[in-house]
Amino acid sequence: MIGIIDYGRGNLRSVEKALAATGFEAEILTDPAALPRVGGLILPGVGAFADAMAALRQLGWVEPLVNYARSGAPFLGICLGMQVLFELGEEHGAHEGLGLLPGRVVKFPPGRKIPHMGWNTVHWERDNNLVQGIPAESWFYFVHSFYVSTPDESVVVGRSEYGVAFPALVGRGNIWGTQFHPEKSSRWGLKILENFGRRVEKSVHLSGN
């Protein structure tokens, strides 16, 4: 079972339906106490970094999410859900994120229409379980005004470009994030979610749950 976190900042049903299309069952979670019963977790998100972190804190999700990610269980952040995996967001001032990956979330430089909205290609920087079976330079759907800047290039799995090259898919160990929306990205977006679901299956099998 894959859990989808409901903190009032994500397209929950779209993610749930996309997972179902790949053959994986999901449950929308409104209470951190439900975390032990899911084998993998998705943190979706739309909107502002500060608002998302405030909602996660108010609803008691921050510490349980950090502990869950550090337990080794598969964890995927989508769009804003990817951005809050990092240490700091610079939208409307500096705000702490979950701190699971190194880096900060910064605004696109002037010169392009903001937000970056629509289809764009992603270049794979390195092999990763999440991109198995997906060709280089595949197209994915983006909607965002800020992007991740990280000092650790080893976490960057895929990169896209919109006036500046930016991380489109990140990953370290059991933690991944997509700046694009896989649930809105047709065939290859569904493949991302399928690959994540298979990692959840493998993790649950190895843990004996």
N, C-alpha and C. Protein backbone atom coordinates (compact mmCIF):
# COMPACT_ATOMS: atom_id res chain seq x y z
N MET A 1 0.84 -1.20 0.00
CA MET A 1 0.00 0.00 0.00
C MET A 1 0.88 1.25 0.00
N ILE A 2 0.51 2.22 -0.84
CA ILE A 2 1.22 3.49 -0.91
C ILE A 2 0.36 4.57 -0.28
N GLY A 3 0.92 5.33 0.63
CA GLY A 3 0.20 6.42 1.26
C GLY A 3 0.42 7.73 0.53
N ILE A 4 -0.64 8.54 0.42
CA ILE A 4 -0.56 9.87 -0.19
C ILE A 4 -0.94 10.88 0.90
N ILE A 5 -0.03 11.78 1.23
CA ILE A 5 -0.25 12.69 2.34
C ILE A 5 -1.23 13.81 1.96
N ASP A 6 -2.27 13.95 2.77
CA ASP A 6 -3.24 15.02 2.61
C ASP A 6 -2.96 16.10 3.65
N TYR A 7 -2.39 17.21 3.20
CA TYR A 7 -2.17 18.36 4.09
C TYR A 7 -2.75 19.63 3.47
N GLY A 8 -3.67 19.42 2.54
CA GLY A 8 -4.38 20.54 1.93
C GLY A 8 -3.61 21.25 0.84
N ARG A 9 -2.55 20.62 0.30
CA ARG A 9 -1.71 21.31 -0.68
C ARG A 9 -1.37 20.43 -1.89
N GLY A 10 -2.24 19.50 -2.27
CA GLY A 10 -1.85 18.63 -3.37
C GLY A 10 -3.02 18.10 -4.18
N ASN A 11 -2.70 17.64 -5.39
CA ASN A 11 -3.70 17.01 -6.25
C ASN A 11 -3.82 15.53 -5.90
N LEU A 12 -4.46 15.25 -4.80
CA LEU A 12 -4.46 13.91 -4.24
C LEU A 12 -5.13 12.89 -5.15
N ARG A 13 -6.30 13.23 -5.65
CA ARG A 13 -7.07 12.27 -6.45
C ARG A 13 -6.37 11.96 -7.76
N SER A 14 -5.72 12.97 -8.35
CA SER A 14 -4.99 12.73 -9.60
C SER A 14 -3.85 11.74 -9.38
N VAL A 15 -3.14 11.88 -8.27
CA VAL A 15 -2.05 10.95 -7.95
C VAL A 15 -2.61 9.56 -7.67
N GLU A 16 -3.69 9.51 -6.91
CA GLU A 16 -4.31 8.23 -6.58
C GLU A 16 -4.76 7.50 -7.85
N LYS A 17 -5.40 8.23 -8.78
CA LYS A 17 -5.87 7.62 -10.03
C LYS A 17 -4.71 7.16 -10.91
N ALA A 18 -3.64 7.95 -10.94
CA ALA A 18 -2.48 7.57 -11.74
C ALA A 18 -1.83 6.31 -11.19
N LEU A 19 -1.74 6.20 -9.88
CA LEU A 19 -1.20 4.97 -9.28
C LEU A 19 -2.09 3.78 -9.62
N ALA A 20 -3.40 3.97 -9.54
CA ALA A 20 -4.33 2.89 -9.86
C ALA A 20 -4.15 2.43 -11.30
N ALA A 21 -3.87 3.39 -12.20
CA ALA A 21 -3.67 3.06 -13.61
C ALA A 21 -2.43 2.20 -13.82
N THR A 22 -1.48 2.27 -12.90
CA THR A 22 -0.28 1.45 -12.99
C THR A 22 -0.39 0.16 -12.18
N GLY A 23 -1.54 -0.03 -11.53
CA GLY A 23 -1.78 -1.28 -10.81
C GLY A 23 -1.44 -1.25 -9.35
N PHE A 24 -1.24 -0.06 -8.78
CA PHE A 24 -0.86 0.03 -7.37
C PHE A 24 -1.95 0.71 -6.55
N GLU A 25 -2.24 0.11 -5.42
CA GLU A 25 -3.28 0.63 -4.52
C GLU A 25 -2.69 1.74 -3.66
N ALA A 26 -3.47 2.79 -3.46
CA ALA A 26 -3.03 3.91 -2.63
C ALA A 26 -4.11 4.27 -1.63
N GLU A 27 -3.68 4.91 -0.56
CA GLU A 27 -4.58 5.40 0.48
C GLU A 27 -4.22 6.84 0.81
N ILE A 28 -5.22 7.72 0.82
CA ILE A 28 -4.98 9.11 1.20
C ILE A 28 -4.96 9.20 2.72
N LEU A 29 -3.88 9.75 3.26
CA LEU A 29 -3.67 9.77 4.71
C LEU A 29 -3.88 11.18 5.26
N THR A 30 -4.69 11.28 6.30
CA THR A 30 -4.93 12.55 6.96
C THR A 30 -4.37 12.59 8.38
N ASP A 31 -3.80 11.48 8.84
CA ASP A 31 -3.32 11.36 10.22
C ASP A 31 -1.95 10.70 10.22
N PRO A 32 -0.93 11.33 10.82
CA PRO A 32 0.40 10.72 10.88
C PRO A 32 0.41 9.34 11.53
N ALA A 33 -0.58 9.05 12.37
CA ALA A 33 -0.63 7.75 13.03
C ALA A 33 -0.82 6.61 12.03
N ALA A 34 -1.24 6.95 10.79
CA ALA A 34 -1.48 5.92 9.77
C ALA A 34 -0.20 5.50 9.05
N LEU A 35 0.90 6.22 9.25
CA LEU A 35 2.12 5.94 8.50
C LEU A 35 2.64 4.50 8.62
N PRO A 36 2.58 3.88 9.80
CA PRO A 36 3.13 2.52 9.89
C PRO A 36 2.44 1.49 9.02
N ARG A 37 1.25 1.76 8.52
CA ARG A 37 0.55 0.75 7.75
C ARG A 37 0.78 0.86 6.24
N VAL A 38 1.61 1.84 5.81
CA VAL A 38 1.89 1.96 4.38
C VAL A 38 3.37 1.62 4.11
N GLY A 39 3.61 1.00 2.96
CA GLY A 39 4.96 0.58 2.61
C GLY A 39 5.76 1.62 1.87
N GLY A 40 5.10 2.66 1.40
CA GLY A 40 5.76 3.75 0.69
C GLY A 40 4.90 4.99 0.78
N LEU A 41 5.48 6.14 0.52
CA LEU A 41 4.79 7.40 0.79
C LEU A 41 5.02 8.39 -0.34
N ILE A 42 3.95 9.10 -0.71
CA ILE A 42 4.04 10.19 -1.68
C ILE A 42 3.58 11.48 -1.03
N LEU A 43 4.40 12.52 -1.17
CA LEU A 43 4.07 13.85 -0.66
C LEU A 43 3.85 14.76 -1.87
N PRO A 44 2.60 15.00 -2.26
CA PRO A 44 2.32 15.90 -3.40
C PRO A 44 2.39 17.34 -2.92
N GLY A 45 2.15 18.28 -3.83
CA GLY A 45 2.14 19.67 -3.39
C GLY A 45 1.98 20.66 -4.52
N VAL A 46 1.16 21.66 -4.29
CA VAL A 46 1.03 22.82 -5.17
C VAL A 46 0.95 24.05 -4.28
N GLY A 47 1.48 25.17 -4.79
CA GLY A 47 1.41 26.41 -4.02
C GLY A 47 2.76 26.88 -3.54
N ALA A 48 2.77 27.56 -2.39
CA ALA A 48 3.97 28.21 -1.88
C ALA A 48 4.67 27.36 -0.82
N PHE A 49 5.99 27.41 -0.83
CA PHE A 49 6.83 26.65 0.10
C PHE A 49 6.46 26.94 1.56
N ALA A 50 6.39 28.23 1.90
CA ALA A 50 6.11 28.61 3.29
C ALA A 50 4.75 28.09 3.74
N ASP A 51 3.74 28.20 2.89
CA ASP A 51 2.40 27.72 3.24
C ASP A 51 2.40 26.21 3.44
N ALA A 52 3.13 25.51 2.58
CA ALA A 52 3.17 24.05 2.70
C ALA A 52 3.81 23.63 4.01
N MET A 53 4.94 24.24 4.36
CA MET A 53 5.61 23.88 5.61
C MET A 53 4.76 24.26 6.82
N ALA A 54 4.07 25.39 6.74
CA ALA A 54 3.19 25.79 7.85
C ALA A 54 2.07 24.78 8.04
N ALA A 55 1.50 24.30 6.93
CA ALA A 55 0.42 23.31 7.01
C ALA A 55 0.95 21.99 7.57
N LEU A 56 2.11 21.57 7.13
CA LEU A 56 2.69 20.32 7.64
C LEU A 56 2.95 20.41 9.14
N ARG A 57 3.45 21.57 9.58
CA ARG A 57 3.70 21.74 11.02
C ARG A 57 2.39 21.75 11.81
N GLN A 58 1.43 22.52 11.33
CA GLN A 58 0.17 22.66 12.04
C GLN A 58 -0.54 21.31 12.20
N LEU A 59 -0.44 20.47 11.18
CA LEU A 59 -1.13 19.18 11.20
C LEU A 59 -0.29 18.06 11.80
N GLY A 60 0.90 18.39 12.28
CA GLY A 60 1.73 17.41 12.98
C GLY A 60 2.45 16.42 12.09
N TRP A 61 2.75 16.83 10.83
CA TRP A 61 3.36 15.89 9.89
C TRP A 61 4.88 15.94 9.87
N VAL A 62 5.50 17.03 10.28
CA VAL A 62 6.92 17.23 10.00
C VAL A 62 7.80 16.12 10.60
N GLU A 63 7.75 15.94 11.89
CA GLU A 63 8.60 14.92 12.51
C GLU A 63 8.27 13.50 12.02
N PRO A 64 6.98 13.12 11.92
CA PRO A 64 6.67 11.79 11.39
C PRO A 64 7.18 11.57 9.96
N LEU A 65 7.11 12.59 9.10
CA LEU A 65 7.59 12.45 7.73
C LEU A 65 9.10 12.27 7.71
N VAL A 66 9.82 13.06 8.50
CA VAL A 66 11.28 12.94 8.55
C VAL A 66 11.67 11.56 9.06
N ASN A 67 11.01 11.11 10.11
CA ASN A 67 11.32 9.79 10.66
C ASN A 67 10.99 8.68 9.66
N TYR A 68 9.90 8.83 8.94
CA TYR A 68 9.51 7.83 7.95
C TYR A 68 10.56 7.75 6.84
N ALA A 69 10.97 8.91 6.34
CA ALA A 69 11.97 8.94 5.28
C ALA A 69 13.28 8.33 5.75
N ARG A 70 13.67 8.61 6.98
CA ARG A 70 14.94 8.10 7.50
C ARG A 70 14.87 6.63 7.89
N SER A 71 13.65 6.08 7.90
CA SER A 71 13.51 4.65 8.21
C SER A 71 13.96 3.76 7.06
N GLY A 72 14.08 4.34 5.86
CA GLY A 72 14.47 3.57 4.69
C GLY A 72 13.32 3.20 3.78
N ALA A 73 12.10 3.52 4.17
CA ALA A 73 10.94 3.23 3.32
C ALA A 73 10.92 4.19 2.13
N PRO A 74 10.44 3.74 0.96
CA PRO A 74 10.41 4.60 -0.22
C PRO A 74 9.55 5.85 0.00
N PHE A 75 10.08 6.99 -0.40
CA PHE A 75 9.45 8.29 -0.16
C PHE A 75 9.61 9.13 -1.42
N LEU A 76 8.51 9.65 -1.96
CA LEU A 76 8.53 10.43 -3.18
C LEU A 76 7.81 11.76 -2.99
N GLY A 77 8.49 12.86 -3.27
CA GLY A 77 7.88 14.18 -3.26
C GLY A 77 7.59 14.63 -4.68
N ILE A 78 6.44 15.25 -4.91
CA ILE A 78 6.04 15.70 -6.24
C ILE A 78 5.86 17.21 -6.24
N CYS A 79 6.54 17.90 -7.17
CA CYS A 79 6.46 19.36 -7.36
C CYS A 79 6.81 20.08 -6.06
N LEU A 80 5.89 20.79 -5.43
CA LEU A 80 6.18 21.44 -4.16
C LEU A 80 6.57 20.40 -3.11
N GLY A 81 6.01 19.20 -3.21
CA GLY A 81 6.39 18.12 -2.31
C GLY A 81 7.84 17.71 -2.46
N MET A 82 8.41 17.88 -3.65
CA MET A 82 9.85 17.68 -3.84
C MET A 82 10.63 18.82 -3.20
N GLN A 83 10.17 20.05 -3.42
CA GLN A 83 10.92 21.21 -2.94
C GLN A 83 11.07 21.21 -1.42
N VAL A 84 10.03 20.81 -0.70
CA VAL A 84 10.11 20.84 0.78
C VAL A 84 11.00 19.73 1.33
N LEU A 85 11.46 18.81 0.48
CA LEU A 85 12.44 17.83 0.94
C LEU A 85 13.78 18.48 1.26
N PHE A 86 14.01 19.68 0.72
CA PHE A 86 15.29 20.35 0.86
C PHE A 86 15.34 21.23 2.11
N GLU A 87 16.49 21.86 2.32
CA GLU A 87 16.74 22.54 3.59
C GLU A 87 16.04 23.88 3.74
N LEU A 88 15.92 24.62 2.64
CA LEU A 88 15.44 26.00 2.76
C LEU A 88 14.69 26.41 1.50
N GLY A 89 13.60 27.16 1.68
CA GLY A 89 12.87 27.76 0.57
C GLY A 89 12.92 29.27 0.67
N GLU A 90 13.15 29.96 -0.45
CA GLU A 90 13.33 31.41 -0.44
C GLU A 90 12.10 32.18 -0.92
N GLU A 91 10.95 31.51 -1.03
CA GLU A 91 9.74 32.20 -1.44
C GLU A 91 9.15 32.96 -0.25
N HIS A 92 8.96 34.29 -0.41
CA HIS A 92 8.44 35.14 0.67
C HIS A 92 9.32 35.05 1.91
N GLY A 93 10.63 35.17 1.72
CA GLY A 93 11.57 35.07 2.84
C GLY A 93 12.16 33.68 2.93
N ALA A 94 13.02 33.46 3.91
CA ALA A 94 13.68 32.16 4.08
C ALA A 94 12.87 31.29 5.04
N HIS A 95 12.59 30.06 4.61
CA HIS A 95 11.78 29.15 5.42
C HIS A 95 12.41 27.76 5.41
N GLU A 96 12.48 27.14 6.56
CA GLU A 96 13.07 25.81 6.67
C GLU A 96 12.18 24.76 6.04
N GLY A 97 12.82 23.83 5.32
CA GLY A 97 12.12 22.68 4.78
C GLY A 97 12.32 21.47 5.67
N LEU A 98 12.09 20.29 5.13
CA LEU A 98 12.26 19.06 5.90
C LEU A 98 13.72 18.69 6.09
N GLY A 99 14.61 19.21 5.25
CA GLY A 99 16.04 18.99 5.43
C GLY A 99 16.50 17.58 5.12
N LEU A 100 15.77 16.86 4.29
CA LEU A 100 16.16 15.49 3.95
C LEU A 100 17.21 15.45 2.84
N LEU A 101 17.28 16.52 2.05
CA LEU A 101 18.27 16.63 0.98
C LEU A 101 18.92 18.01 1.06
N PRO A 102 20.19 18.13 0.63
CA PRO A 102 20.89 19.41 0.75
C PRO A 102 20.53 20.37 -0.37
N GLY A 103 20.25 21.62 -0.01
CA GLY A 103 19.98 22.62 -1.03
C GLY A 103 18.87 23.55 -0.62
N ARG A 104 18.60 24.51 -1.52
CA ARG A 104 17.57 25.50 -1.26
C ARG A 104 16.72 25.69 -2.51
N VAL A 105 15.55 26.26 -2.32
CA VAL A 105 14.60 26.48 -3.41
C VAL A 105 14.60 27.97 -3.73
N VAL A 106 14.96 28.30 -4.98
CA VAL A 106 15.16 29.70 -5.38
C VAL A 106 14.29 30.04 -6.57
N LYS A 107 14.10 31.34 -6.81
CA LYS A 107 13.25 31.80 -7.91
C LYS A 107 14.00 31.78 -9.24
N PHE A 108 13.28 31.47 -10.30
CA PHE A 108 13.87 31.55 -11.63
C PHE A 108 14.39 32.96 -11.89
N PRO A 109 15.51 33.09 -12.59
CA PRO A 109 16.02 34.43 -12.93
C PRO A 109 15.11 35.11 -13.95
N PRO A 110 15.18 36.44 -14.05
CA PRO A 110 14.36 37.16 -15.02
C PRO A 110 14.67 36.73 -16.45
N GLY A 111 13.68 36.89 -17.32
CA GLY A 111 13.91 36.61 -18.73
C GLY A 111 12.95 35.61 -19.33
N ARG A 112 12.28 34.84 -18.50
CA ARG A 112 11.29 33.87 -18.98
C ARG A 112 9.97 34.09 -18.26
N LYS A 113 8.89 33.72 -18.93
CA LYS A 113 7.57 33.83 -18.32
C LYS A 113 7.49 32.89 -17.12
N ILE A 114 6.97 33.42 -16.03
CA ILE A 114 6.81 32.66 -14.78
C ILE A 114 5.33 32.58 -14.46
N PRO A 115 4.80 31.41 -14.10
CA PRO A 115 5.53 30.16 -13.85
C PRO A 115 5.97 29.44 -15.12
N HIS A 116 6.94 28.56 -14.96
CA HIS A 116 7.30 27.62 -16.00
C HIS A 116 6.16 26.59 -16.05
N MET A 117 5.39 26.64 -17.13
CA MET A 117 4.20 25.80 -17.21
C MET A 117 4.14 25.12 -18.57
N GLY A 118 3.98 23.80 -18.54
CA GLY A 118 3.84 23.04 -19.77
C GLY A 118 4.84 21.91 -19.87
N TRP A 119 4.97 21.39 -21.07
CA TRP A 119 5.81 20.21 -21.30
C TRP A 119 7.25 20.60 -21.57
N ASN A 120 8.16 19.82 -20.99
CA ASN A 120 9.58 20.05 -21.19
C ASN A 120 10.32 18.72 -21.12
N THR A 121 11.46 18.65 -21.79
CA THR A 121 12.25 17.42 -21.77
C THR A 121 13.12 17.37 -20.52
N VAL A 122 13.45 16.14 -20.12
CA VAL A 122 14.34 15.91 -18.99
C VAL A 122 15.51 15.04 -19.45
N HIS A 123 16.71 15.50 -19.14
CA HIS A 123 17.93 14.75 -19.47
C HIS A 123 18.39 13.99 -18.22
N TRP A 124 18.56 12.68 -18.35
CA TRP A 124 19.01 11.88 -17.21
C TRP A 124 20.50 12.08 -16.98
N GLU A 125 20.85 12.47 -15.78
CA GLU A 125 22.25 12.68 -15.41
C GLU A 125 22.91 11.38 -14.96
N ARG A 126 22.11 10.45 -14.45
CA ARG A 126 22.66 9.18 -13.96
C ARG A 126 21.54 8.15 -13.90
N ASP A 127 21.94 6.89 -13.84
CA ASP A 127 20.95 5.82 -13.70
C ASP A 127 20.31 5.87 -12.32
N ASN A 128 19.05 5.48 -12.28
CA ASN A 128 18.34 5.43 -11.01
C ASN A 128 17.14 4.52 -11.18
N ASN A 129 16.74 3.86 -10.09
CA ASN A 129 15.60 2.94 -10.15
C ASN A 129 14.34 3.61 -10.67
N LEU A 130 14.18 4.90 -10.39
CA LEU A 130 12.94 5.57 -10.74
C LEU A 130 12.81 5.85 -12.25
N VAL A 131 13.93 5.82 -12.97
CA VAL A 131 13.87 6.16 -14.40
C VAL A 131 14.14 4.96 -15.29
N GLN A 132 14.12 3.77 -14.72
CA GLN A 132 14.34 2.57 -15.53
C GLN A 132 13.26 2.45 -16.60
N GLY A 133 13.70 2.19 -17.84
CA GLY A 133 12.77 2.01 -18.94
C GLY A 133 12.27 3.29 -19.57
N ILE A 134 12.78 4.45 -19.13
CA ILE A 134 12.33 5.74 -19.66
C ILE A 134 13.46 6.33 -20.51
N PRO A 135 13.21 6.62 -21.79
CA PRO A 135 14.26 7.13 -22.67
C PRO A 135 14.78 8.50 -22.22
N ALA A 136 16.03 8.78 -22.59
CA ALA A 136 16.58 10.11 -22.37
C ALA A 136 15.78 11.14 -23.15
N GLU A 137 15.71 12.35 -22.62
CA GLU A 137 15.01 13.48 -23.24
C GLU A 137 13.51 13.24 -23.40
N SER A 138 12.92 12.45 -22.50
CA SER A 138 11.47 12.27 -22.49
C SER A 138 10.80 13.54 -21.97
N TRP A 139 9.51 13.68 -22.32
CA TRP A 139 8.76 14.88 -21.98
C TRP A 139 7.92 14.68 -20.72
N PHE A 140 7.91 15.72 -19.88
CA PHE A 140 7.12 15.70 -18.65
C PHE A 140 6.46 17.08 -18.47
N TYR A 141 5.41 17.10 -17.63
CA TYR A 141 4.61 18.32 -17.46
C TYR A 141 5.01 19.06 -16.17
N PHE A 142 5.33 20.34 -16.31
CA PHE A 142 5.79 21.17 -15.20
C PHE A 142 4.83 22.33 -14.94
N VAL A 143 4.73 22.72 -13.66
CA VAL A 143 4.08 23.97 -13.25
C VAL A 143 4.81 24.46 -12.00
N HIS A 144 5.72 25.44 -12.14
CA HIS A 144 6.44 25.93 -10.96
C HIS A 144 7.12 27.26 -11.28
N SER A 145 7.31 28.06 -10.23
CA SER A 145 7.98 29.36 -10.34
C SER A 145 9.33 29.37 -9.65
N PHE A 146 9.61 28.35 -8.85
CA PHE A 146 10.88 28.22 -8.13
C PHE A 146 11.50 26.88 -8.48
N TYR A 147 12.81 26.77 -8.26
CA TYR A 147 13.51 25.53 -8.57
C TYR A 147 14.56 25.25 -7.49
N VAL A 148 15.03 24.03 -7.45
CA VAL A 148 16.01 23.62 -6.45
C VAL A 148 17.42 23.94 -6.92
N SER A 149 18.21 24.52 -6.02
CA SER A 149 19.65 24.70 -6.22
C SER A 149 20.35 23.89 -5.14
N THR A 150 21.18 22.92 -5.54
CA THR A 150 21.83 22.05 -4.56
C THR A 150 23.33 22.05 -4.76
N PRO A 151 24.10 22.04 -3.66
CA PRO A 151 25.56 21.95 -3.76
C PRO A 151 26.03 20.53 -4.02
N ASP A 152 25.13 19.57 -3.94
CA ASP A 152 25.48 18.16 -4.07
C ASP A 152 24.91 17.61 -5.37
N GLU A 153 25.73 17.57 -6.41
CA GLU A 153 25.27 17.12 -7.72
C GLU A 153 24.89 15.64 -7.72
N SER A 154 25.32 14.89 -6.73
CA SER A 154 25.02 13.46 -6.70
C SER A 154 23.54 13.18 -6.49
N VAL A 155 22.78 14.18 -6.00
CA VAL A 155 21.34 13.96 -5.78
C VAL A 155 20.52 14.26 -7.04
N VAL A 156 21.16 14.85 -8.06
CA VAL A 156 20.44 15.22 -9.28
C VAL A 156 20.42 14.04 -10.24
N VAL A 157 19.25 13.46 -10.43
CA VAL A 157 19.07 12.32 -11.34
C VAL A 157 18.74 12.80 -12.74
N GLY A 158 17.90 13.83 -12.84
CA GLY A 158 17.51 14.37 -14.13
C GLY A 158 17.46 15.88 -14.09
N ARG A 159 17.75 16.49 -15.24
CA ARG A 159 17.79 17.95 -15.29
C ARG A 159 16.98 18.44 -16.50
N SER A 160 16.33 19.58 -16.32
CA SER A 160 15.63 20.23 -17.40
C SER A 160 16.14 21.66 -17.51
N GLU A 161 15.61 22.43 -18.46
CA GLU A 161 16.11 23.78 -18.65
C GLU A 161 14.96 24.73 -18.96
N TYR A 162 14.99 25.86 -18.28
CA TYR A 162 14.03 26.93 -18.54
C TYR A 162 14.72 28.25 -18.19
N GLY A 163 15.57 28.72 -19.11
CA GLY A 163 16.39 29.89 -18.82
C GLY A 163 17.62 29.54 -18.01
N VAL A 164 17.51 28.52 -17.19
CA VAL A 164 18.61 28.00 -16.38
C VAL A 164 18.39 26.49 -16.26
N ALA A 165 19.47 25.72 -16.21
CA ALA A 165 19.34 24.28 -15.99
C ALA A 165 18.96 24.06 -14.52
N PHE A 166 17.98 23.18 -14.29
CA PHE A 166 17.52 22.95 -12.91
C PHE A 166 17.22 21.47 -12.70
N PRO A 167 17.32 20.99 -11.46
CA PRO A 167 16.99 19.59 -11.17
C PRO A 167 15.50 19.32 -11.39
N ALA A 168 15.23 18.33 -12.24
CA ALA A 168 13.85 17.93 -12.51
C ALA A 168 13.47 16.67 -11.76
N LEU A 169 14.48 15.85 -11.45
CA LEU A 169 14.26 14.65 -10.65
C LEU A 169 15.48 14.46 -9.76
N VAL A 170 15.24 14.29 -8.48
CA VAL A 170 16.33 14.12 -7.52
C VAL A 170 16.15 12.80 -6.79
N GLY A 171 17.24 12.31 -6.22
CA GLY A 171 17.13 11.07 -5.48
C GLY A 171 18.38 10.76 -4.69
N ARG A 172 18.18 10.21 -3.50
CA ARG A 172 19.27 9.69 -2.68
C ARG A 172 18.70 8.56 -1.84
N GLY A 173 19.25 7.35 -2.04
CA GLY A 173 18.77 6.21 -1.27
C GLY A 173 17.30 5.95 -1.54
N ASN A 174 16.50 6.00 -0.49
CA ASN A 174 15.06 5.71 -0.58
C ASN A 174 14.21 6.96 -0.81
N ILE A 175 14.85 8.12 -0.98
CA ILE A 175 14.13 9.40 -1.10
C ILE A 175 14.27 9.93 -2.52
N TRP A 176 13.14 10.27 -3.14
CA TRP A 176 13.13 10.83 -4.49
C TRP A 176 12.21 12.05 -4.54
N GLY A 177 12.40 12.86 -5.56
CA GLY A 177 11.50 13.98 -5.81
C GLY A 177 11.46 14.31 -7.29
N THR A 178 10.27 14.65 -7.78
CA THR A 178 10.11 15.11 -9.16
C THR A 178 9.58 16.53 -9.15
N GLN A 179 10.27 17.43 -9.87
CA GLN A 179 9.75 18.79 -10.00
C GLN A 179 8.53 18.80 -10.92
N PHE A 180 8.51 17.90 -11.89
CA PHE A 180 7.36 17.77 -12.78
C PHE A 180 6.26 16.96 -12.09
N HIS A 181 5.09 16.95 -12.72
CA HIS A 181 3.95 16.18 -12.19
C HIS A 181 3.85 14.86 -12.96
N PRO A 182 4.29 13.75 -12.39
CA PRO A 182 4.17 12.48 -13.11
C PRO A 182 2.73 12.09 -13.38
N GLU A 183 1.83 12.47 -12.49
CA GLU A 183 0.41 12.12 -12.65
C GLU A 183 -0.24 12.85 -13.82
N LYS A 184 0.45 13.89 -14.35
CA LYS A 184 -0.07 14.65 -15.49
C LYS A 184 0.81 14.49 -16.72
N SER A 185 1.77 13.57 -16.66
CA SER A 185 2.79 13.46 -17.70
C SER A 185 2.64 12.25 -18.60
N SER A 186 1.41 11.76 -18.73
CA SER A 186 1.11 10.71 -19.69
C SER A 186 1.97 9.47 -19.46
N ARG A 187 2.42 8.84 -20.55
CA ARG A 187 3.07 7.53 -20.50
C ARG A 187 4.29 7.49 -19.57
N TRP A 188 5.19 8.45 -19.74
CA TRP A 188 6.44 8.36 -18.97
C TRP A 188 6.24 8.80 -17.53
N GLY A 189 5.27 9.66 -17.28
CA GLY A 189 4.94 9.98 -15.90
C GLY A 189 4.38 8.78 -15.17
N LEU A 190 3.50 8.03 -15.85
CA LEU A 190 2.97 6.80 -15.24
C LEU A 190 4.09 5.79 -15.01
N LYS A 191 5.09 5.78 -15.90
CA LYS A 191 6.21 4.86 -15.71
C LYS A 191 7.02 5.21 -14.47
N ILE A 192 7.17 6.50 -14.20
CA ILE A 192 7.82 6.93 -12.95
C ILE A 192 7.08 6.36 -11.75
N LEU A 193 5.75 6.52 -11.74
CA LEU A 193 4.95 6.03 -10.62
C LEU A 193 4.97 4.50 -10.54
N GLU A 194 4.98 3.84 -11.69
CA GLU A 194 5.09 2.38 -11.69
C GLU A 194 6.41 1.94 -11.08
N ASN A 195 7.51 2.60 -11.47
CA ASN A 195 8.82 2.26 -10.92
C ASN A 195 8.85 2.49 -9.41
N PHE A 196 8.21 3.58 -8.97
CA PHE A 196 8.14 3.83 -7.53
C PHE A 196 7.35 2.73 -6.84
N GLY A 197 6.22 2.35 -7.42
CA GLY A 197 5.41 1.28 -6.84
C GLY A 197 6.17 -0.02 -6.72
N ARG A 198 6.99 -0.32 -7.70
CA ARG A 198 7.78 -1.55 -7.65
C ARG A 198 8.84 -1.48 -6.55
N ARG A 199 9.39 -0.28 -6.33
CA ARG A 199 10.34 -0.13 -5.22
C ARG A 199 9.64 -0.33 -3.88
N VAL A 200 8.39 0.13 -3.78
CA VAL A 200 7.63 -0.09 -2.56
C VAL A 200 7.39 -1.59 -2.35
N GLU A 201 6.99 -2.29 -3.40
CA GLU A 201 6.80 -3.73 -3.30
C GLU A 201 8.06 -4.44 -2.83
N LYS A 202 9.19 -4.08 -3.42
CA LYS A 202 10.46 -4.70 -3.06
C LYS A 202 10.82 -4.40 -1.61
N SER A 203 10.60 -3.15 -1.18
CA SER A 203 10.92 -2.76 0.18
C SER A 203 10.07 -3.52 1.19
N VAL A 204 8.78 -3.65 0.89
CA VAL A 204 7.88 -4.38 1.79
C VAL A 204 8.28 -5.85 1.86
N HIS A 205 8.63 -6.43 0.71
CA HIS A 205 9.06 -7.83 0.69
C HIS A 205 10.32 -8.05 1.54
N LEU A 206 11.29 -7.14 1.40
CA LEU A 206 12.54 -7.29 2.14
C LEU A 206 12.34 -7.09 3.63
N SER A 207 11.36 -6.23 4.00
CA SER A 207 11.11 -5.99 5.43
C SER A 207 10.28 -7.09 6.06
N GLY A 208 9.65 -7.89 5.22
CA GLY A 208 8.84 -8.99 5.72
C GLY A 208 7.46 -8.60 6.15
N ASN A 209 7.04 -7.36 5.82
CA ASN A 209 5.69 -6.90 6.20
C ASN A 209 4.65 -7.36 5.19
